[in-house]
PDB file of N, CA and C in Angstrom:
ATOM      1  N   UNK A   1       0.860  -1.173   0.000  1.00  0.00           N
ATOM      2  CA  UNK A   1       0.000   0.000   0.000  1.00  0.00           C
ATOM      3  C   UNK A   1       0.904   1.232   0.000  1.00  0.00           C
ATOM      4  N   UNK A   2       0.595   2.182  -0.901  1.00  0.00           N
ATOM      5  CA  UNK A   2       1.403   3.383  -0.983  1.00  0.00           C
ATOM      6  C   UNK A   2       1.166   4.275   0.223  1.00  0.00           C
ATOM      7  N   UNK A   3       2.093   5.205   0.451  1.00  0.00           N
ATOM      8  CA  UNK A   3       1.948   6.121   1.582  1.00  0.00           C
ATOM      9  C   UNK A   3       0.683   6.957   1.466  1.00  0.00           C
ATOM     10  N   UNK A   4       0.364   7.433   0.253  1.00  0.00           N
ATOM     11  CA  UNK A   4      -0.826   8.261   0.092  1.00  0.00           C
ATOM     12  C   UNK A   4      -2.091   7.448   0.348  1.00  0.00           C
ATOM     13  N   UNK A   5      -2.109   6.187  -0.072  1.00  0.00           N
ATOM     14  CA  UNK A   5      -3.264   5.340   0.196  1.00  0.00           C
ATOM     15  C   UNK A   5      -3.389   5.035   1.682  1.00  0.00           C
ATOM     16  N   UNK A   6      -2.266   4.818   2.344  1.00  0.00           N
ATOM     17  CA  UNK A   6      -2.287   4.596   3.794  1.00  0.00           C
ATOM     18  C   UNK A   6      -2.832   5.821   4.521  1.00  0.00           C
ATOM     19  N   UNK A   7      -2.408   7.008   4.080  1.00  0.00           N
ATOM     20  CA  UNK A   7      -2.882   8.240   4.708  1.00  0.00           C
ATOM     21  C   UNK A   7      -4.379   8.406   4.498  1.00  0.00           C
ATOM     22  N   UNK A   8      -4.840   8.127   3.288  1.00  0.00           N
ATOM     23  CA  UNK A   8      -6.260   8.237   2.987  1.00  0.00           C
ATOM     24  C   UNK A   8      -7.055   7.237   3.817  1.00  0.00           C
ATOM     25  N   UNK A   9      -6.564   6.025   3.926  1.00  0.00           N
ATOM     26  CA  UNK A   9      -7.250   4.999   4.708  1.00  0.00           C
ATOM     27  C   UNK A   9      -7.312   5.385   6.185  1.00  0.00           C
ATOM     28  N   UNK A  10      -6.244   5.977   6.682  1.00  0.00           N
ATOM     29  CA  UNK A  10      -6.215   6.391   8.084  1.00  0.00           C
ATOM     30  C   UNK A  10      -7.221   7.494   8.357  1.00  0.00           C
ATOM     31  N   UNK A  11      -7.424   8.380   7.384  1.00  0.00           N
ATOM     32  CA  UNK A  11      -8.357   9.493   7.563  1.00  0.00           C
ATOM     33  C   UNK A  11      -9.792   9.098   7.253  1.00  0.00           C
ATOM     34  N   UNK A  12      -9.976   8.020   6.554  1.00  0.00           N
ATOM     35  CA  UNK A  12     -11.304   7.631   6.091  1.00  0.00           C
ATOM     36  C   UNK A  12     -12.001   6.751   7.113  1.00  0.00           C
ATOM     37  N   UNK A  13     -12.185   7.274   8.292  1.00  0.00           N
ATOM     38  CA  UNK A  13     -12.799   6.494   9.355  1.00  0.00           C
ATOM     39  C   UNK A  13     -14.319   6.615   9.349  1.00  0.00           C
ATOM     40  N   UNK A  14     -14.834   7.628   8.673  1.00  0.00           N
ATOM     41  CA  UNK A  14     -16.274   7.834   8.648  1.00  0.00           C
ATOM     42  C   UNK A  14     -16.888   7.086   7.482  1.00  0.00           C
ATOM     43  N   UNK A  15     -18.039   6.465   7.715  1.00  0.00           N
ATOM     44  CA  UNK A  15     -18.751   5.791   6.642  1.00  0.00           C
ATOM     45  C   UNK A  15     -19.369   6.801   5.687  1.00  0.00           C
ATOM     46  N   UNK A  16     -19.850   7.900   6.233  1.00  0.00           N
ATOM     47  CA  UNK A  16     -20.511   8.933   5.440  1.00  0.00           C
ATOM     48  C   UNK A  16     -19.898  10.276   5.775  1.00  0.00           C
ATOM     49  N   UNK A  17     -19.668  11.066   4.741  1.00  0.00           N
ATOM     50  CA  UNK A  17     -19.140  12.424   4.918  1.00  0.00           C
ATOM     51  C   UNK A  17     -20.260  13.428   4.758  1.00  0.00           C
ATOM     52  N   UNK A  18     -20.255  14.441   5.568  1.00  0.00           N
ATOM     53  CA  UNK A  18     -21.190  15.548   5.446  1.00  0.00           C
ATOM     54  C   UNK A  18     -20.459  16.682   4.748  1.00  0.00           C
ATOM     55  N   UNK A  19     -21.018  17.106   3.612  1.00  0.00           N
ATOM     56  CA  UNK A  19     -20.346  18.110   2.787  1.00  0.00           C
ATOM     57  C   UNK A  19     -21.273  19.310   2.622  1.00  0.00           C
ATOM     58  N   UNK A  20     -21.031  20.397   3.389  1.00  0.00           N
ATOM     59  CA  UNK A  20     -21.818  21.604   3.180  1.00  0.00           C
ATOM     60  C   UNK A  20     -21.378  22.260   1.871  1.00  0.00           C
ATOM     61  N   UNK A  21     -22.351  22.662   1.076  1.00  0.00           N
ATOM     62  CA  UNK A  21     -22.044  23.307  -0.196  1.00  0.00           C
ATOM     63  C   UNK A  21     -23.206  24.204  -0.575  1.00  0.00           C
ATOM     64  N   UNK A  22     -22.921  25.477  -0.720  1.00  0.00           N
ATOM     65  CA  UNK A  22     -23.992  26.425  -1.014  1.00  0.00           C
ATOM     66  C   UNK A  22     -24.994  26.441   0.127  1.00  0.00           C
ATOM     67  N   UNK A  23     -26.264  26.369  -0.230  1.00  0.00           N
ATOM     68  CA  UNK A  23     -27.332  26.371   0.769  1.00  0.00           C
ATOM     69  C   UNK A  23     -27.738  24.969   1.210  1.00  0.00           C
ATOM     70  N   UNK A  24     -26.999  23.959   0.770  1.00  0.00           N
ATOM     71  CA  UNK A  24     -27.365  22.575   1.055  1.00  0.00           C
ATOM     72  C   UNK A  24     -26.215  21.839   1.737  1.00  0.00           C
ATOM     73  N   UNK A  25     -26.559  20.720   2.321  1.00  0.00           N
ATOM     74  CA  UNK A  25     -25.564  19.815   2.878  1.00  0.00           C
ATOM     75  C   UNK A  25     -25.785  18.466   2.215  1.00  0.00           C
ATOM     76  N   UNK A  26     -24.708  17.897   1.689  1.00  0.00           N
ATOM     77  CA  UNK A  26     -24.783  16.624   0.993  1.00  0.00           C
ATOM     78  C   UNK A  26     -24.108  15.547   1.837  1.00  0.00           C
ATOM     79  N   UNK A  27     -24.629  14.338   1.748  1.00  0.00           N
ATOM     80  CA  UNK A  27     -24.055  13.185   2.421  1.00  0.00           C
ATOM     81  C   UNK A  27     -23.482  12.276   1.340  1.00  0.00           C
ATOM     82  N   UNK A  28     -22.199  11.998   1.427  1.00  0.00           N
ATOM     83  CA  UNK A  28     -21.549  11.126   0.448  1.00  0.00           C
ATOM     84  C   UNK A  28     -20.773  10.041   1.182  1.00  0.00           C
ATOM     85  N   UNK A  29     -20.514   8.931   0.503  1.00  0.00           N
ATOM     86  CA  UNK A  29     -19.733   7.879   1.158  1.00  0.00           C
ATOM     87  C   UNK A  29     -18.315   8.342   1.451  1.00  0.00           C
ATOM     88  N   UNK A  30     -17.702   7.747   2.462  1.00  0.00           N
ATOM     89  CA  UNK A  30     -16.286   7.986   2.703  1.00  0.00           C
ATOM     90  C   UNK A  30     -15.505   7.542   1.472  1.00  0.00           C
ATOM     91  N   UNK A  31     -14.323   8.087   1.255  1.00  0.00           N
ATOM     92  CA  UNK A  31     -13.592   7.856   0.004  1.00  0.00           C
ATOM     93  C   UNK A  31     -13.279   6.396  -0.307  1.00  0.00           C
ATOM     94  N   UNK A  32     -13.093   5.570   0.684  1.00  0.00           N
ATOM     95  CA  UNK A  32     -12.817   4.170   0.404  1.00  0.00           C
ATOM     96  C   UNK A  32     -14.074   3.399   0.032  1.00  0.00           C
ATOM     97  N   UNK A  33     -15.237   4.033   0.176  1.00  0.00           N
ATOM     98  CA  UNK A  33     -16.508   3.416  -0.206  1.00  0.00           C
ATOM     99  C   UNK A  33     -17.114   4.051  -1.452  1.00  0.00           C
ATOM    100  N   UNK A  34     -16.368   4.938  -2.118  1.00  0.00           N
ATOM    101  CA  UNK A  34     -16.861   5.515  -3.372  1.00  0.00           C
ATOM    102  C   UNK A  34     -17.025   4.404  -4.402  1.00  0.00           C
ATOM    103  N   UNK A  35     -18.015   4.526  -5.269  1.00  0.00           N
ATOM    104  CA  UNK A  35     -18.106   3.560  -6.368  1.00  0.00           C
ATOM    105  C   UNK A  35     -16.796   3.581  -7.168  1.00  0.00           C
ATOM    106  N   UNK A  36     -16.306   2.411  -7.528  1.00  0.00           N
ATOM    107  CA  UNK A  36     -15.024   2.311  -8.224  1.00  0.00           C
ATOM    108  C   UNK A  36     -15.006   3.157  -9.497  1.00  0.00           C
ATOM    109  N   UNK A  37     -16.144   3.248 -10.177  1.00  0.00           N
ATOM    110  CA  UNK A  37     -16.227   4.017 -11.416  1.00  0.00           C
ATOM    111  C   UNK A  37     -15.916   5.497 -11.197  1.00  0.00           C
ATOM    112  N   UNK A  38     -16.071   5.966  -9.980  1.00  0.00           N
ATOM    113  CA  UNK A  38     -15.781   7.368  -9.687  1.00  0.00           C
ATOM    114  C   UNK A  38     -14.340   7.698 -10.032  1.00  0.00           C
ATOM    115  N   UNK A  39     -13.426   6.782  -9.765  1.00  0.00           N
ATOM    116  CA  UNK A  39     -12.020   7.006 -10.103  1.00  0.00           C
ATOM    117  C   UNK A  39     -11.836   7.181 -11.602  1.00  0.00           C
ATOM    118  N   UNK A  40     -12.501   6.321 -12.366  1.00  0.00           N
ATOM    119  CA  UNK A  40     -12.420   6.433 -13.827  1.00  0.00           C
ATOM    120  C   UNK A  40     -13.009   7.750 -14.305  1.00  0.00           C
ATOM    121  N   UNK A  41     -14.166   8.117 -13.752  1.00  0.00           N
ATOM    122  CA  UNK A  41     -14.809   9.369 -14.157  1.00  0.00           C
ATOM    123  C   UNK A  41     -13.902  10.563 -13.891  1.00  0.00           C
ATOM    124  N   UNK A  42     -13.267  10.584 -12.727  1.00  0.00           N
ATOM    125  CA  UNK A  42     -12.376  11.697 -12.394  1.00  0.00           C
ATOM    126  C   UNK A  42     -11.149  11.703 -13.290  1.00  0.00           C
ATOM    127  N   UNK A  43     -10.576  10.544 -13.542  1.00  0.00           N
ATOM    128  CA  UNK A  43      -9.391  10.457 -14.404  1.00  0.00           C
ATOM    129  C   UNK A  43      -9.703  10.904 -15.821  1.00  0.00           C
ATOM    130  N   UNK A  44     -10.947  10.677 -16.255  1.00  0.00           N
ATOM    131  CA  UNK A  44     -11.360  11.045 -17.605  1.00  0.00           C
ATOM    132  C   UNK A  44     -11.948  12.448 -17.662  1.00  0.00           C
ATOM    133  N   UNK A  45     -11.970  13.148 -16.532  1.00  0.00           N
ATOM    134  CA  UNK A  45     -12.519  14.504 -16.494  1.00  0.00           C
ATOM    135  C   UNK A  45     -14.030  14.561 -16.582  1.00  0.00           C
ATOM    136  N   UNK A  46     -14.702  13.473 -16.243  1.00  0.00           N
ATOM    137  CA  UNK A  46     -16.163  13.409 -16.296  1.00  0.00           C
ATOM    138  C   UNK A  46     -16.732  13.765 -14.919  1.00  0.00           C
ATOM    139  N   UNK A  47     -16.621  15.035 -14.599  1.00  0.00           N
ATOM    140  CA  UNK A  47     -17.010  15.503 -13.270  1.00  0.00           C
ATOM    141  C   UNK A  47     -18.490  15.268 -13.011  1.00  0.00           C
ATOM    142  N   UNK A  48     -19.338  15.502 -14.015  1.00  0.00           N
ATOM    143  CA  UNK A  48     -20.778  15.337 -13.796  1.00  0.00           C
ATOM    144  C   UNK A  48     -21.117  13.891 -13.442  1.00  0.00           C
ATOM    145  N   UNK A  49     -20.446  12.925 -14.065  1.00  0.00           N
ATOM    146  CA  UNK A  49     -20.706  11.525 -13.752  1.00  0.00           C
ATOM    147  C   UNK A  49     -20.164  11.157 -12.374  1.00  0.00           C
ATOM    148  N   UNK A  50     -19.025  11.734 -12.017  1.00  0.00           N
ATOM    149  CA  UNK A  50     -18.475  11.487 -10.682  1.00  0.00           C
ATOM    150  C   UNK A  50     -19.413  12.035  -9.614  1.00  0.00           C
ATOM    151  N   UNK A  51     -19.887  13.261  -9.812  1.00  0.00           N
ATOM    152  CA  UNK A  51     -20.822  13.877  -8.864  1.00  0.00           C
ATOM    153  C   UNK A  51     -22.091  13.035  -8.762  1.00  0.00           C
ATOM    154  N   UNK A  52     -22.633  12.618  -9.907  1.00  0.00           N
ATOM    155  CA  UNK A  52     -23.866  11.829  -9.913  1.00  0.00           C
ATOM    156  C   UNK A  52     -23.681  10.525  -9.144  1.00  0.00           C
ATOM    157  N   UNK A  53     -22.536   9.868  -9.329  1.00  0.00           N
ATOM    158  CA  UNK A  53     -22.289   8.606  -8.650  1.00  0.00           C
ATOM    159  C   UNK A  53     -22.141   8.741  -7.150  1.00  0.00           C
ATOM    160  N   UNK A  54     -21.617   9.878  -6.721  1.00  0.00           N
ATOM    161  CA  UNK A  54     -21.421  10.089  -5.283  1.00  0.00           C
ATOM    162  C   UNK A  54     -22.682  10.579  -4.581  1.00  0.00           C
ATOM    163  N   UNK A  55     -23.471  11.392  -5.273  1.00  0.00           N
ATOM    164  CA  UNK A  55     -24.655  11.969  -4.633  1.00  0.00           C
ATOM    165  C   UNK A  55     -25.850  11.032  -4.618  1.00  0.00           C
ATOM    166  N   UNK A  56     -25.995  10.205  -5.636  1.00  0.00           N
ATOM    167  CA  UNK A  56     -27.203   9.401  -5.754  1.00  0.00           C
ATOM    168  C   UNK A  56     -28.330  10.240  -6.330  1.00  0.00           C
ATOM    169  N   UNK A  57     -29.409   9.593  -6.708  1.00  0.00           N
ATOM    170  CA  UNK A  57     -30.491  10.254  -7.446  1.00  0.00           C
ATOM    171  C   UNK A  57     -31.139  11.422  -6.710  1.00  0.00           C
ATOM    172  N   UNK A  58     -31.496  11.210  -5.453  1.00  0.00           N
ATOM    173  CA  UNK A  58     -32.230  12.239  -4.705  1.00  0.00           C
ATOM    174  C   UNK A  58     -31.384  13.505  -4.509  1.00  0.00           C
ATOM    175  N   UNK A  59     -30.148  13.329  -4.061  1.00  0.00           N
ATOM    176  CA  UNK A  59     -29.283  14.490  -3.835  1.00  0.00           C
ATOM    177  C   UNK A  59     -28.856  15.129  -5.156  1.00  0.00           C
ATOM    178  N   UNK A  60     -28.694  14.315  -6.198  1.00  0.00           N
ATOM    179  CA  UNK A  60     -28.347  14.868  -7.508  1.00  0.00           C
ATOM    180  C   UNK A  60     -29.468  15.774  -7.998  1.00  0.00           C
ATOM    181  N   UNK A  61     -30.710  15.352  -7.803  1.00  0.00           N
ATOM    182  CA  UNK A  61     -31.841  16.182  -8.199  1.00  0.00           C
ATOM    183  C   UNK A  61     -31.850  17.488  -7.402  1.00  0.00           C
ATOM    184  N   UNK A  62     -31.531  17.414  -6.108  1.00  0.00           N
ATOM    185  CA  UNK A  62     -31.449  18.615  -5.271  1.00  0.00           C
ATOM    186  C   UNK A  62     -30.359  19.543  -5.819  1.00  0.00           C
ATOM    187  N   UNK A  63     -29.206  18.988  -6.191  1.00  0.00           N
ATOM    188  CA  UNK A  63     -28.117  19.784  -6.758  1.00  0.00           C
ATOM    189  C   UNK A  63     -28.543  20.405  -8.085  1.00  0.00           C
ATOM    190  N   UNK A  64     -29.199  19.639  -8.926  1.00  0.00           N
ATOM    191  CA  UNK A  64     -29.646  20.156 -10.231  1.00  0.00           C
ATOM    192  C   UNK A  64     -30.662  21.285 -10.091  1.00  0.00           C
ATOM    193  N   UNK A  65     -31.477  21.231  -9.043  1.00  0.00           N
ATOM    194  CA  UNK A  65     -32.461  22.308  -8.830  1.00  0.00           C
ATOM    195  C   UNK A  65     -31.790  23.644  -8.537  1.00  0.00           C
ATOM    196  N   UNK A  66     -30.506  23.628  -8.166  1.00  0.00           N
ATOM    197  CA  UNK A  66     -29.787  24.875  -7.929  1.00  0.00           C
ATOM    198  C   UNK A  66     -29.321  25.516  -9.238  1.00  0.00           C
ATOM    199  N   UNK A  67     -29.600  24.840 -10.372  1.00  0.00           N
ATOM    200  CA  UNK A  67     -29.183  25.301 -11.698  1.00  0.00           C
ATOM    201  C   UNK A  67     -27.669  25.537 -11.744  1.00  0.00           C
ATOM    202  N   UNK A  68     -26.909  24.491 -11.405  1.00  0.00           N
ATOM    203  CA  UNK A  68     -25.449  24.636 -11.315  1.00  0.00           C
ATOM    204  C   UNK A  68     -24.792  24.824 -12.680  1.00  0.00           C
ATOM    205  N   UNK A  69     -23.680  25.482 -12.650  1.00  0.00           N
ATOM    206  CA  UNK A  69     -22.804  25.615 -13.812  1.00  0.00           C
ATOM    207  C   UNK A  69     -21.707  24.563 -13.659  1.00  0.00           C
ATOM    208  N   UNK A  70     -20.910  24.419 -14.690  1.00  0.00           N
ATOM    209  CA  UNK A  70     -19.797  23.472 -14.631  1.00  0.00           C
ATOM    210  C   UNK A  70     -18.899  23.813 -13.444  1.00  0.00           C
ATOM    211  N   UNK A  71     -18.643  25.101 -13.244  1.00  0.00           N
ATOM    212  CA  UNK A  71     -17.781  25.514 -12.133  1.00  0.00           C
ATOM    213  C   UNK A  71     -18.347  25.062 -10.786  1.00  0.00           C
ATOM    214  N   UNK A  72     -19.674  24.996 -10.674  1.00  0.00           N
ATOM    215  CA  UNK A  72     -20.299  24.555  -9.428  1.00  0.00           C
ATOM    216  C   UNK A  72     -20.080  23.060  -9.194  1.00  0.00           C
ATOM    217  N   UNK A  73     -20.174  22.265 -10.266  1.00  0.00           N
ATOM    218  CA  UNK A  73     -19.926  20.831 -10.141  1.00  0.00           C
ATOM    219  C   UNK A  73     -18.475  20.571  -9.745  1.00  0.00           C
ATOM    220  N   UNK A  74     -17.557  21.316 -10.352  1.00  0.00           N
ATOM    221  CA  UNK A  74     -16.137  21.169 -10.003  1.00  0.00           C
ATOM    222  C   UNK A  74     -15.916  21.586  -8.551  1.00  0.00           C
ATOM    223  N   UNK A  75     -16.534  22.687  -8.151  1.00  0.00           N
ATOM    224  CA  UNK A  75     -16.384  23.155  -6.766  1.00  0.00           C
ATOM    225  C   UNK A  75     -16.976  22.144  -5.780  1.00  0.00           C
ATOM    226  N   UNK A  76     -18.093  21.514  -6.134  1.00  0.00           N
ATOM    227  CA  UNK A  76     -18.674  20.495  -5.259  1.00  0.00           C
ATOM    228  C   UNK A  76     -17.733  19.300  -5.140  1.00  0.00           C
ATOM    229  N   UNK A  77     -17.145  18.859  -6.257  1.00  0.00           N
ATOM    230  CA  UNK A  77     -16.193  17.748  -6.190  1.00  0.00           C
ATOM    231  C   UNK A  77     -14.988  18.123  -5.333  1.00  0.00           C
ATOM    232  N   UNK A  78     -14.542  19.365  -5.438  1.00  0.00           N
ATOM    233  CA  UNK A  78     -13.417  19.819  -4.609  1.00  0.00           C
ATOM    234  C   UNK A  78     -13.806  19.822  -3.132  1.00  0.00           C
ATOM    235  N   UNK A  79     -15.047  20.215  -2.828  1.00  0.00           N
ATOM    236  CA  UNK A  79     -15.528  20.201  -1.443  1.00  0.00           C
ATOM    237  C   UNK A  79     -15.605  18.760  -0.922  1.00  0.00           C
ATOM    238  N   UNK A  80     -16.043  17.836  -1.781  1.00  0.00           N
ATOM    239  CA  UNK A  80     -16.102  16.427  -1.396  1.00  0.00           C
ATOM    240  C   UNK A  80     -14.686  15.905  -1.157  1.00  0.00           C
ATOM    241  N   UNK A  81     -13.763  16.251  -2.045  1.00  0.00           N
ATOM    242  CA  UNK A  81     -12.370  15.813  -1.887  1.00  0.00           C
ATOM    243  C   UNK A  81     -11.775  16.362  -0.591  1.00  0.00           C
ATOM    244  N   UNK A  82     -12.059  17.626  -0.299  1.00  0.00           N
ATOM    245  CA  UNK A  82     -11.551  18.227   0.937  1.00  0.00           C
ATOM    246  C   UNK A  82     -12.128  17.534   2.167  1.00  0.00           C
ATOM    247  N   UNK A  83     -13.429  17.237   2.124  1.00  0.00           N
ATOM    248  CA  UNK A  83     -14.078  16.554   3.254  1.00  0.00           C
ATOM    249  C   UNK A  83     -13.550  15.142   3.436  1.00  0.00           C
ATOM    250  N   UNK A  84     -13.084  14.553   2.332  1.00  0.00           N
ATOM    251  CA  UNK A  84     -12.583  13.176   2.403  1.00  0.00           C
ATOM    252  C   UNK A  84     -11.178  13.097   2.962  1.00  0.00           C
ATOM    253  N   UNK A  85     -10.518  14.251   3.065  1.00  0.00           N
ATOM    254  CA  UNK A  85      -9.163  14.261   3.578  1.00  0.00           C
ATOM    255  C   UNK A  85      -8.108  14.223   2.494  1.00  0.00           C
ATOM    256  N   UNK A  86      -8.525  14.029   1.239  1.00  0.00           N
ATOM    257  CA  UNK A  86      -7.543  13.978   0.163  1.00  0.00           C
ATOM    258  C   UNK A  86      -7.148  15.378  -0.273  1.00  0.00           C
ATOM    259  N   UNK A  87      -8.079  16.314  -0.155  1.00  0.00           N
ATOM    260  CA  UNK A  87      -7.772  17.711  -0.446  1.00  0.00           C
ATOM    261  C   UNK A  87      -7.646  18.062  -1.896  1.00  0.00           C
ATOM    262  N   UNK A  88      -7.620  17.080  -2.796  1.00  0.00           N
ATOM    263  CA  UNK A  88      -7.519  17.372  -4.217  1.00  0.00           C
ATOM    264  C   UNK A  88      -8.150  16.243  -5.003  1.00  0.00           C
ATOM    265  N   UNK A  89      -8.520  16.553  -6.253  1.00  0.00           N
ATOM    266  CA  UNK A  89      -9.142  15.559  -7.091  1.00  0.00           C
ATOM    267  C   UNK A  89      -8.139  14.560  -7.627  1.00  0.00           C
ATOM    268  N   UNK A  90      -6.943  15.018  -7.931  1.00  0.00           N
ATOM    269  CA  UNK A  90      -5.896  14.122  -8.434  1.00  0.00           C
ATOM    270  C   UNK A  90      -6.214  13.578  -9.792  1.00  0.00           C
ATOM    271  N   UNK A  91      -5.332  12.663 -10.259  1.00  0.00           N
ATOM    272  CA  UNK A  91      -5.523  12.020 -11.573  1.00  0.00           C
ATOM    273  C   UNK A  91      -5.511  10.540 -11.408  1.00  0.00           C
TER     274      UNK A  91
END
């Protein structure tokens, strides 16, 4: 296990992360419980698919009702990454 993975595992003690963003609070899985496809989506720059996979249908609909721009989806992913302890989206 790499040092960065060990650090992430050590910080990922919560099953669910609470991510305040805008006027809403989102609940997402801890980083070690993210759907595996999320890694592929992020590596391919498919932020909308990564966000959709992490939020689930109900929260995704709540996010969409805010009429987000691309910058908002990126900012939400950055907030999720920060809450997860990784602090960055990475590649």
